[in-house]
Amino acid sequence: MPLIAIIIDFITLGFYFLQLRTLTPSMFVLGIIVQILAVLFLLALVFIYQGQRRSNWHPEGYHYLTIRYGIIIISFIFNAIALFLYILNFTGDNDIVFSGFSQALPLLLIA
């Protein structure tokens, strides 16, 4: 399951760079749809994960997550934040997710 979460991260990263190259509203909608599907799938992975969730080693009063379950949780959190930023960009409230790359866009197109 952690491998599935990593694959989902690479898919959403690919859609991010695809949106970065086109910068059209229709591509933003497609990106939001893909991000919603990724977040929902990762949320399902968080709940249906059958492996060990907490490490055997823990300091007093606190339990650490296992690396496998931690990968799933971190992937879910980062994709949820990205979805929030995509929605802010689409509504026009804040375009921080795509605004910093206007100068670097020609460099990305060359590579």
N, C-alpha and C. Protein backbone atom coordinates (compact mmCIF):
# COMPACT_ATOMS: atom_id res chain seq x y z
N MET A 1 0.80 -1.20 0.00
CA MET A 1 0.00 0.00 0.00
C MET A 1 0.84 1.27 0.00
N PRO A 2 1.99 1.30 0.69
CA PRO A 2 2.81 2.51 0.58
C PRO A 2 3.30 2.75 -0.85
N LEU A 3 3.55 1.68 -1.58
CA LEU A 3 3.96 1.82 -2.97
C LEU A 3 2.83 2.43 -3.81
N ILE A 4 1.60 2.06 -3.52
CA ILE A 4 0.45 2.65 -4.21
C ILE A 4 0.37 4.15 -3.90
N ALA A 5 0.62 4.53 -2.65
CA ALA A 5 0.60 5.94 -2.27
C ALA A 5 1.69 6.72 -3.00
N ILE A 6 2.86 6.13 -3.14
CA ILE A 6 3.95 6.79 -3.86
C ILE A 6 3.62 6.93 -5.34
N ILE A 7 3.01 5.91 -5.93
CA ILE A 7 2.60 5.97 -7.33
C ILE A 7 1.56 7.08 -7.53
N ILE A 8 0.62 7.19 -6.61
CA ILE A 8 -0.39 8.26 -6.69
C ILE A 8 0.29 9.62 -6.61
N ASP A 9 1.32 9.75 -5.75
CA ASP A 9 2.05 11.01 -5.66
C ASP A 9 2.71 11.38 -6.99
N PHE A 10 3.31 10.40 -7.64
CA PHE A 10 3.95 10.68 -8.93
C PHE A 10 2.92 11.03 -10.01
N ILE A 11 1.76 10.41 -9.97
CA ILE A 11 0.70 10.74 -10.93
C ILE A 11 0.22 12.17 -10.72
N THR A 12 -0.03 12.56 -9.47
CA THR A 12 -0.48 13.92 -9.20
C THR A 12 0.62 14.94 -9.50
N LEU A 13 1.88 14.57 -9.29
CA LEU A 13 2.98 15.46 -9.66
C LEU A 13 3.04 15.64 -11.17
N GLY A 14 2.79 14.58 -11.91
CA GLY A 14 2.75 14.69 -13.36
C GLY A 14 1.63 15.60 -13.83
N PHE A 15 0.45 15.49 -13.21
CA PHE A 15 -0.65 16.39 -13.58
C PHE A 15 -0.34 17.83 -13.20
N TYR A 16 0.40 18.02 -12.10
CA TYR A 16 0.80 19.38 -11.72
C TYR A 16 1.67 20.00 -12.81
N PHE A 17 2.67 19.26 -13.28
CA PHE A 17 3.53 19.80 -14.33
C PHE A 17 2.79 19.96 -15.65
N LEU A 18 1.81 19.12 -15.91
CA LEU A 18 0.98 19.28 -17.10
C LEU A 18 0.18 20.58 -17.02
N GLN A 19 -0.38 20.87 -15.84
CA GLN A 19 -1.11 22.12 -15.66
C GLN A 19 -0.18 23.31 -15.74
N LEU A 20 1.04 23.15 -15.26
CA LEU A 20 2.00 24.23 -15.27
C LEU A 20 2.38 24.61 -16.70
N ARG A 21 2.38 23.65 -17.59
CA ARG A 21 2.72 23.94 -18.99
C ARG A 21 1.57 24.60 -19.74
N THR A 22 0.33 24.28 -19.41
CA THR A 22 -0.80 24.81 -20.19
C THR A 22 -1.43 26.04 -19.56
N LEU A 23 -1.65 26.04 -18.26
CA LEU A 23 -2.23 27.18 -17.53
C LEU A 23 -3.55 27.66 -18.12
N THR A 24 -4.47 26.73 -18.40
CA THR A 24 -5.81 27.08 -18.86
C THR A 24 -6.83 26.65 -17.81
N PRO A 25 -7.97 27.33 -17.74
CA PRO A 25 -8.98 26.95 -16.75
C PRO A 25 -9.49 25.51 -16.90
N SER A 26 -9.59 25.04 -18.14
CA SER A 26 -10.05 23.65 -18.31
C SER A 26 -9.03 22.66 -17.74
N MET A 27 -7.76 22.97 -17.86
CA MET A 27 -6.74 22.10 -17.30
C MET A 27 -6.74 22.18 -15.78
N PHE A 28 -7.07 23.36 -15.23
CA PHE A 28 -7.18 23.48 -13.78
C PHE A 28 -8.32 22.62 -13.25
N VAL A 29 -9.44 22.57 -13.97
CA VAL A 29 -10.57 21.72 -13.57
C VAL A 29 -10.16 20.25 -13.61
N LEU A 30 -9.47 19.85 -14.66
CA LEU A 30 -9.00 18.47 -14.75
C LEU A 30 -8.04 18.14 -13.61
N GLY A 31 -7.17 19.08 -13.27
CA GLY A 31 -6.25 18.88 -12.15
C GLY A 31 -6.97 18.74 -10.82
N ILE A 32 -8.01 19.54 -10.62
CA ILE A 32 -8.79 19.44 -9.38
C ILE A 32 -9.49 18.08 -9.31
N ILE A 33 -10.03 17.62 -10.43
CA ILE A 33 -10.71 16.32 -10.45
C ILE A 33 -9.73 15.20 -10.12
N VAL A 34 -8.55 15.23 -10.74
CA VAL A 34 -7.54 14.20 -10.46
C VAL A 34 -7.10 14.28 -9.00
N GLN A 35 -6.94 15.49 -8.48
CA GLN A 35 -6.51 15.64 -7.09
C GLN A 35 -7.59 15.17 -6.12
N ILE A 36 -8.85 15.42 -6.42
CA ILE A 36 -9.94 14.93 -5.57
C ILE A 36 -9.95 13.40 -5.55
N LEU A 37 -9.79 12.80 -6.72
CA LEU A 37 -9.77 11.33 -6.78
C LEU A 37 -8.58 10.78 -5.99
N ALA A 38 -7.42 11.44 -6.10
CA ALA A 38 -6.23 10.98 -5.38
C ALA A 38 -6.43 11.10 -3.87
N VAL A 39 -7.00 12.21 -3.42
CA VAL A 39 -7.22 12.41 -1.98
C VAL A 39 -8.22 11.39 -1.45
N LEU A 40 -9.29 11.14 -2.20
CA LEU A 40 -10.27 10.16 -1.74
C LEU A 40 -9.68 8.75 -1.70
N PHE A 41 -8.88 8.40 -2.69
CA PHE A 41 -8.24 7.09 -2.70
C PHE A 41 -7.24 6.96 -1.56
N LEU A 42 -6.47 8.01 -1.29
CA LEU A 42 -5.52 7.97 -0.18
C LEU A 42 -6.24 7.93 1.16
N LEU A 43 -7.38 8.61 1.27
CA LEU A 43 -8.17 8.53 2.50
C LEU A 43 -8.67 7.11 2.72
N ALA A 44 -9.07 6.45 1.65
CA ALA A 44 -9.47 5.05 1.77
C ALA A 44 -8.29 4.19 2.19
N LEU A 45 -7.10 4.46 1.66
CA LEU A 45 -5.91 3.70 2.07
C LEU A 45 -5.60 3.89 3.55
N VAL A 46 -5.81 5.11 4.05
CA VAL A 46 -5.56 5.38 5.46
C VAL A 46 -6.43 4.49 6.34
N PHE A 47 -7.69 4.31 5.95
CA PHE A 47 -8.61 3.54 6.79
C PHE A 47 -8.56 2.04 6.56
N ILE A 48 -8.22 1.59 5.35
CA ILE A 48 -8.23 0.15 5.10
C ILE A 48 -6.86 -0.50 5.25
N TYR A 49 -5.85 0.28 5.64
CA TYR A 49 -4.51 -0.28 5.83
C TYR A 49 -4.56 -1.34 6.93
N GLN A 50 -4.09 -2.55 6.61
CA GLN A 50 -4.18 -3.68 7.54
C GLN A 50 -2.88 -3.95 8.29
N GLY A 51 -1.81 -3.27 7.93
CA GLY A 51 -0.52 -3.52 8.57
C GLY A 51 -0.43 -2.86 9.93
N GLN A 52 0.75 -3.00 10.53
CA GLN A 52 0.99 -2.39 11.83
C GLN A 52 1.05 -0.87 11.67
N ARG A 53 0.33 -0.18 12.50
CA ARG A 53 0.26 1.28 12.37
C ARG A 53 1.23 1.99 13.30
N ARG A 54 1.51 1.41 14.43
CA ARG A 54 2.40 2.05 15.39
C ARG A 54 3.64 1.20 15.61
N SER A 55 4.75 1.90 15.78
CA SER A 55 6.03 1.23 15.98
C SER A 55 6.09 0.61 17.38
N ASN A 56 6.90 -0.42 17.50
CA ASN A 56 7.07 -1.05 18.81
C ASN A 56 7.89 -0.17 19.75
N TRP A 57 8.76 0.65 19.18
CA TRP A 57 9.55 1.56 20.01
C TRP A 57 8.79 2.85 20.19
N HIS A 58 8.70 3.30 21.43
CA HIS A 58 8.05 4.58 21.68
C HIS A 58 8.55 5.17 22.99
N PRO A 59 8.75 6.48 23.01
CA PRO A 59 9.09 7.12 24.28
C PRO A 59 7.85 7.15 25.17
N GLU A 60 8.05 7.55 26.36
CA GLU A 60 6.95 7.54 27.32
C GLU A 60 5.82 8.47 26.89
N GLY A 61 4.65 7.91 26.73
CA GLY A 61 3.47 8.70 26.42
C GLY A 61 3.23 9.01 24.95
N TYR A 62 4.07 8.49 24.05
CA TYR A 62 3.90 8.81 22.64
C TYR A 62 4.25 7.59 21.80
N HIS A 63 3.48 7.35 20.76
CA HIS A 63 3.73 6.24 19.84
C HIS A 63 4.07 6.80 18.46
N TYR A 64 5.13 6.27 17.86
CA TYR A 64 5.49 6.66 16.50
C TYR A 64 4.77 5.77 15.49
N LEU A 65 4.51 6.33 14.31
CA LEU A 65 3.93 5.54 13.24
C LEU A 65 5.02 4.68 12.59
N THR A 66 4.62 3.56 12.02
CA THR A 66 5.58 2.79 11.24
C THR A 66 5.88 3.55 9.95
N ILE A 67 6.98 3.22 9.32
CA ILE A 67 7.38 3.93 8.10
C ILE A 67 6.34 3.72 7.00
N ARG A 68 5.83 2.51 6.87
CA ARG A 68 4.85 2.23 5.81
C ARG A 68 3.57 3.04 6.00
N TYR A 69 3.05 3.04 7.21
CA TYR A 69 1.82 3.79 7.47
C TYR A 69 2.09 5.29 7.42
N GLY A 70 3.27 5.72 7.83
CA GLY A 70 3.65 7.12 7.77
C GLY A 70 3.70 7.64 6.35
N ILE A 71 4.17 6.81 5.41
CA ILE A 71 4.20 7.21 4.00
C ILE A 71 2.79 7.48 3.50
N ILE A 72 1.86 6.62 3.87
CA ILE A 72 0.46 6.80 3.45
C ILE A 72 -0.12 8.08 4.05
N ILE A 73 0.13 8.31 5.33
CA ILE A 73 -0.41 9.49 6.01
C ILE A 73 0.18 10.77 5.42
N ILE A 74 1.49 10.81 5.24
CA ILE A 74 2.14 12.01 4.69
C ILE A 74 1.66 12.27 3.26
N SER A 75 1.52 11.22 2.47
CA SER A 75 1.01 11.37 1.12
C SER A 75 -0.40 11.95 1.13
N PHE A 76 -1.24 11.47 2.02
CA PHE A 76 -2.60 11.99 2.13
C PHE A 76 -2.59 13.47 2.53
N ILE A 77 -1.76 13.82 3.51
CA ILE A 77 -1.72 15.21 3.98
C ILE A 77 -1.22 16.15 2.88
N PHE A 78 -0.15 15.78 2.19
CA PHE A 78 0.38 16.65 1.13
C PHE A 78 -0.60 16.79 -0.02
N ASN A 79 -1.27 15.72 -0.40
CA ASN A 79 -2.24 15.81 -1.49
C ASN A 79 -3.47 16.61 -1.07
N ALA A 80 -3.87 16.53 0.19
CA ALA A 80 -4.99 17.34 0.66
C ALA A 80 -4.64 18.82 0.65
N ILE A 81 -3.40 19.15 1.05
CA ILE A 81 -2.95 20.54 0.99
C ILE A 81 -2.90 21.02 -0.46
N ALA A 82 -2.42 20.18 -1.36
CA ALA A 82 -2.37 20.54 -2.78
C ALA A 82 -3.78 20.76 -3.32
N LEU A 83 -4.73 19.93 -2.93
CA LEU A 83 -6.12 20.11 -3.36
C LEU A 83 -6.66 21.45 -2.87
N PHE A 84 -6.38 21.80 -1.64
CA PHE A 84 -6.81 23.08 -1.09
C PHE A 84 -6.21 24.24 -1.89
N LEU A 85 -4.93 24.13 -2.23
CA LEU A 85 -4.29 25.19 -3.02
C LEU A 85 -4.84 25.26 -4.44
N TYR A 86 -5.16 24.10 -5.02
CA TYR A 86 -5.77 24.09 -6.36
C TYR A 86 -7.12 24.79 -6.34
N ILE A 87 -7.92 24.53 -5.31
CA ILE A 87 -9.24 25.15 -5.21
C ILE A 87 -9.08 26.66 -5.02
N LEU A 88 -8.12 27.07 -4.18
CA LEU A 88 -7.87 28.51 -4.02
C LEU A 88 -7.46 29.15 -5.34
N ASN A 89 -6.64 28.47 -6.11
CA ASN A 89 -6.21 28.99 -7.40
C ASN A 89 -7.39 29.08 -8.38
N PHE A 90 -8.22 28.07 -8.40
CA PHE A 90 -9.34 28.04 -9.34
C PHE A 90 -10.37 29.12 -9.03
N THR A 91 -10.62 29.35 -7.74
CA THR A 91 -11.59 30.38 -7.37
C THR A 91 -11.03 31.78 -7.48
N GLY A 92 -9.71 31.90 -7.63
CA GLY A 92 -9.09 33.21 -7.77
C GLY A 92 -8.74 33.87 -6.46
N ASP A 93 -8.91 33.19 -5.36
CA ASP A 93 -8.60 33.77 -4.05
C ASP A 93 -7.09 33.89 -3.83
N ASN A 94 -6.35 32.88 -4.27
CA ASN A 94 -4.90 32.89 -4.09
C ASN A 94 -4.28 31.99 -5.15
N ASP A 95 -3.37 32.54 -5.93
CA ASP A 95 -2.78 31.76 -7.01
C ASP A 95 -1.34 31.35 -6.70
N ILE A 96 -1.07 31.08 -5.45
CA ILE A 96 0.29 30.77 -5.02
C ILE A 96 0.82 29.47 -5.63
N VAL A 97 -0.05 28.54 -5.95
CA VAL A 97 0.41 27.24 -6.43
C VAL A 97 1.01 27.32 -7.83
N PHE A 98 0.61 28.29 -8.64
CA PHE A 98 1.16 28.42 -9.98
C PHE A 98 1.85 29.76 -10.23
N SER A 99 1.81 30.70 -9.31
CA SER A 99 2.32 32.04 -9.57
C SER A 99 3.84 32.12 -9.56
N GLY A 100 4.52 31.32 -8.79
CA GLY A 100 5.97 31.43 -8.65
C GLY A 100 6.74 30.87 -9.82
N PHE A 101 6.06 30.22 -10.75
CA PHE A 101 6.75 29.57 -11.85
C PHE A 101 6.63 30.32 -13.17
N SER A 102 6.13 31.53 -13.15
CA SER A 102 5.99 32.27 -14.40
C SER A 102 7.35 32.60 -15.00
N GLN A 103 8.36 32.84 -14.16
CA GLN A 103 9.69 33.11 -14.68
C GLN A 103 10.41 31.82 -15.06
N ALA A 104 10.10 30.72 -14.38
CA ALA A 104 10.80 29.46 -14.62
C ALA A 104 10.13 28.62 -15.71
N LEU A 105 8.98 29.06 -16.21
CA LEU A 105 8.27 28.26 -17.20
C LEU A 105 9.08 28.02 -18.47
N PRO A 106 9.77 29.00 -19.04
CA PRO A 106 10.59 28.68 -20.22
C PRO A 106 11.67 27.64 -19.94
N LEU A 107 12.21 27.63 -18.74
CA LEU A 107 13.21 26.63 -18.38
C LEU A 107 12.61 25.24 -18.30
N LEU A 108 11.36 25.15 -17.83
CA LEU A 108 10.70 23.85 -17.77
C LEU A 108 10.34 23.34 -19.15
N LEU A 109 10.01 24.24 -20.06
CA LEU A 109 9.66 23.82 -21.40
C LEU A 109 10.87 23.31 -22.19
N ILE A 110 12.04 23.84 -21.86
CA ILE A 110 13.26 23.40 -22.55
C ILE A 110 13.65 22.01 -22.08
N ALA A 111 13.51 21.76 -20.78
CA ALA A 111 13.95 20.47 -20.21
C ALA A 111 13.09 19.33 -20.56
